[in-house]
Amino acid sequence: MRNAILLHGLPGKKEYYNPDLPSASNSHWFPWLQKQLLMKEIKTDTPEVFRAFEMNWDSWVKEVEQFEITESTTLVGHSMGGGFWVRYLTEHPEIYIDKLILVAPWVNINHEEDTTFFDFEVDSSLIERIKEMIIFASDNDGYEVQASVRFLHDKFPNVSFKLFHEYGHFTQRNIPTNTFPELLEVIL
């Protein structure tokens, strides 16, 4: 059975505790995409990392390991969620998947944040365990994300690369309809 796991990025502490904002797994295009995939008979989970703003690696691992990852799984990571999947797959060479889709991935290559979350060496051979890898990037995203995208593109030069014009960080500010048909299309 095909399944997908959609992993959110790093919320700020104020955003996390703001009662007027949805949780990270329920913001932006996540609910729309999950519903579209469910209607296509693809079991789709959107993990919610507890206190995600703390950037605690073990909390992120604990959350995603509640879900089955098989050779029929599509993993989608937005921002830090994309960086998480790169590290997670690097550290788990026994895992083979169908697709890895990184949307505005962030891997903190310039060490802007004081964290050990991204203290790892990317395994460039992990691409051999993925049937298809796709990176989504925008020409007007922040410097750190653009640097991460270039870094990952250099590590994995043969992956599919989709550059969007003025999609920013692929959030509600840049995609006001909260739909993401381009992402749905590559998953299907």
Protein backbone atom coordinates (compact mmCIF):
# COMPACT_ATOMS: atom_id res chain seq x y z
CA MET A 1 0.00 0.00 0.00
CA ARG A 2 1.30 3.45 -0.92
CA ASN A 3 1.65 5.92 1.90
CA ALA A 4 3.03 9.40 2.45
CA ILE A 5 4.43 11.22 5.44
CA LEU A 6 4.33 15.03 5.31
CA LEU A 7 6.70 16.64 7.80
CA HIS A 8 6.42 20.27 8.81
CA GLY A 9 9.29 22.67 9.35
CA LEU A 10 10.53 24.61 12.35
CA PRO A 11 7.92 26.82 13.98
CA GLY A 12 9.03 29.75 16.09
CA LYS A 13 8.19 29.56 19.78
CA LYS A 14 5.72 32.46 19.46
CA GLU A 15 4.06 30.80 16.49
CA TYR A 16 3.87 27.47 18.35
CA TYR A 17 2.07 29.03 21.32
CA ASN A 18 -0.14 31.43 19.33
CA PRO A 19 -3.76 30.27 19.86
CA ASP A 20 -4.83 32.02 16.64
CA LEU A 21 -2.52 29.93 14.43
CA PRO A 22 -2.89 26.27 13.47
CA SER A 23 -0.32 23.72 14.55
CA ALA A 24 2.64 23.27 12.21
CA SER A 25 1.24 20.08 10.68
CA ASN A 26 -2.07 21.86 9.99
CA SER A 27 -0.75 25.04 8.44
CA HIS A 28 0.06 26.17 4.92
CA TRP A 29 -0.75 23.51 2.29
CA PHE A 30 -0.47 20.46 4.60
CA PRO A 31 -4.22 19.90 5.24
CA TRP A 32 -5.09 20.38 1.57
CA LEU A 33 -2.36 18.00 0.39
CA GLN A 34 -3.25 15.36 2.97
CA LYS A 35 -6.90 15.44 1.89
CA GLN A 36 -6.00 15.20 -1.82
CA LEU A 37 -3.77 12.17 -1.20
CA LEU A 38 -6.34 10.45 1.01
CA MET A 39 -8.92 10.87 -1.76
CA LYS A 40 -6.44 9.10 -4.08
CA GLU A 41 -6.28 6.17 -1.62
CA ILE A 42 -2.79 7.08 -0.38
CA LYS A 43 -2.57 6.77 3.40
CA THR A 44 -1.14 10.13 4.47
CA ASP A 45 0.17 11.11 7.88
CA THR A 46 1.23 14.55 9.08
CA PRO A 47 3.29 14.10 12.26
CA GLU A 48 3.24 16.93 14.78
CA VAL A 49 6.55 17.25 16.63
CA PHE A 50 5.99 18.25 20.25
CA ARG A 51 7.76 21.52 21.09
CA ALA A 52 9.36 21.44 17.63
CA PHE A 53 10.86 24.91 18.16
CA GLU A 54 13.37 23.37 20.59
CA MET A 55 15.07 21.51 17.71
CA ASN A 56 15.46 18.34 19.77
CA TRP A 57 16.53 15.60 17.36
CA ASP A 58 15.18 12.78 19.53
CA SER A 59 11.71 14.38 19.66
CA TRP A 60 11.56 14.55 15.87
CA VAL A 61 12.75 10.93 15.52
CA LYS A 62 10.25 9.70 18.12
CA GLU A 63 7.40 11.39 16.28
CA VAL A 64 8.17 10.09 12.77
CA GLU A 65 8.98 6.57 13.91
CA GLN A 66 5.33 6.11 14.83
CA PHE A 67 4.64 5.77 11.11
CA GLU A 68 5.54 2.99 8.72
CA ILE A 69 8.27 3.75 6.18
CA THR A 70 8.55 1.22 3.35
CA GLU A 71 9.66 1.01 -0.27
CA SER A 72 6.19 2.36 -1.16
CA THR A 73 6.49 5.47 1.02
CA THR A 74 6.76 9.06 -0.16
CA LEU A 75 8.45 11.35 2.35
CA VAL A 76 7.80 15.08 2.06
CA GLY A 77 9.67 17.57 4.20
CA HIS A 78 9.15 21.30 4.32
CA SER A 79 12.09 23.48 5.41
CA MET A 80 13.65 21.87 8.49
CA GLY A 81 11.40 18.86 7.88
CA GLY A 82 13.30 18.36 4.62
CA GLY A 83 16.62 18.63 6.41
CA PHE A 84 15.34 16.15 8.97
CA TRP A 85 14.58 13.56 6.28
CA VAL A 86 18.07 13.93 4.78
CA ARG A 87 19.71 13.26 8.16
CA TYR A 88 17.24 10.52 9.10
CA LEU A 89 17.81 8.63 5.85
CA THR A 90 21.58 9.16 6.18
CA GLU A 91 21.48 7.55 9.63
CA HIS A 92 19.21 4.69 8.51
CA PRO A 93 20.88 2.98 5.54
CA GLU A 94 18.44 0.08 5.87
CA ILE A 95 15.52 2.27 4.74
CA TYR A 96 14.46 2.27 1.10
CA ILE A 97 11.63 4.55 -0.08
CA ASP A 98 9.70 5.45 -3.21
CA LYS A 99 10.09 9.26 -3.21
CA LEU A 100 11.79 11.96 -1.17
CA ILE A 101 10.44 15.44 -1.83
CA LEU A 102 12.20 18.35 -0.17
CA VAL A 103 10.27 21.64 -0.23
CA ALA A 104 12.50 24.64 0.57
CA PRO A 105 14.83 22.34 2.54
CA TRP A 106 16.96 23.77 5.32
CA VAL A 107 20.01 21.92 6.68
CA ASN A 108 21.73 24.78 8.56
CA ILE A 109 24.95 24.46 6.55
CA ASN A 110 26.13 27.90 7.67
CA HIS A 111 25.41 27.03 11.31
CA GLU A 112 23.23 30.12 11.76
CA GLU A 113 21.37 28.34 14.59
CA ASP A 114 23.31 27.07 17.60
CA THR A 115 22.15 23.48 17.48
CA THR A 116 23.35 19.92 17.11
CA PHE A 117 20.27 19.03 15.04
CA PHE A 118 22.28 19.10 11.83
CA ASP A 119 25.58 17.73 13.14
CA PHE A 120 25.96 14.99 10.56
CA GLU A 121 27.67 14.26 7.27
CA VAL A 122 25.22 13.81 4.40
CA ASP A 123 25.46 10.35 2.87
CA SER A 124 25.41 11.08 -0.85
CA SER A 125 24.79 7.38 -1.53
CA LEU A 126 21.38 7.60 0.12
CA ILE A 127 20.05 8.51 -3.32
CA GLU A 128 20.58 4.86 -4.25
CA ARG A 129 17.86 3.88 -1.76
CA ILE A 130 15.31 6.34 -3.17
CA LYS A 131 13.47 5.71 -6.43
CA GLU A 132 12.96 9.44 -7.01
CA MET A 133 14.19 12.56 -5.22
CA ILE A 134 12.81 16.01 -5.97
CA ILE A 135 13.84 19.39 -4.57
CA PHE A 136 11.40 22.32 -4.71
CA ALA A 137 12.98 25.76 -4.38
CA SER A 138 11.93 29.36 -4.90
CA ASP A 139 14.01 32.16 -6.35
CA ASN A 140 13.03 34.50 -3.50
CA ASP A 141 13.45 32.25 -0.46
CA GLY A 142 15.80 33.28 2.34
CA TYR A 143 19.58 33.07 2.09
CA GLU A 144 19.91 30.08 4.44
CA VAL A 145 17.41 27.99 2.50
CA GLN A 146 18.92 28.94 -0.85
CA ALA A 147 22.34 27.92 0.49
CA SER A 148 20.88 24.60 1.70
CA VAL A 149 19.26 23.98 -1.68
CA ARG A 150 22.57 24.61 -3.49
CA PHE A 151 24.38 22.31 -1.02
CA LEU A 152 21.85 19.50 -1.55
CA HIS A 153 21.81 20.00 -5.30
CA ASP A 154 25.62 19.69 -5.32
CA LYS A 155 25.43 16.50 -3.19
CA PHE A 156 22.72 15.02 -5.40
CA PRO A 157 23.29 16.51 -8.88
CA ASN A 158 20.99 14.07 -10.69
CA VAL A 159 17.84 14.72 -8.65
CA SER A 160 14.82 16.46 -10.12
CA PHE A 161 14.98 20.14 -9.31
CA LYS A 162 11.95 22.43 -9.56
CA LEU A 163 12.53 26.16 -9.27
CA PHE A 164 9.52 28.41 -8.68
CA HIS A 165 9.27 32.14 -9.20
CA GLU A 166 8.33 34.14 -6.09
CA TYR A 167 6.98 31.24 -4.02
CA GLY A 168 9.09 32.45 -1.07
CA HIS A 169 9.32 29.76 1.59
CA PHE A 170 6.21 27.96 0.27
CA THR A 171 4.05 29.25 3.13
CA GLN A 172 0.69 31.00 3.43
CA ARG A 173 2.33 34.35 2.71
CA ASN A 174 3.49 33.12 -0.68
CA ILE A 175 0.82 30.58 -1.59
CA PRO A 176 -2.34 32.32 -0.37
CA THR A 177 -4.75 29.60 -1.55
CA ASN A 178 -3.05 27.01 0.68
CA THR A 179 -3.12 24.58 -2.22
CA PHE A 180 -0.03 23.15 -3.85
CA PRO A 181 -1.04 21.30 -7.04
CA GLU A 182 2.57 21.15 -8.29
CA LEU A 183 3.54 19.10 -5.24
CA LEU A 184 0.48 16.87 -5.53
CA GLU A 185 1.36 16.17 -9.15
CA VAL A 186 4.89 14.92 -8.38
CA ILE A 187 3.61 12.72 -5.54
CA LEU A 188 1.02 11.10 -7.80
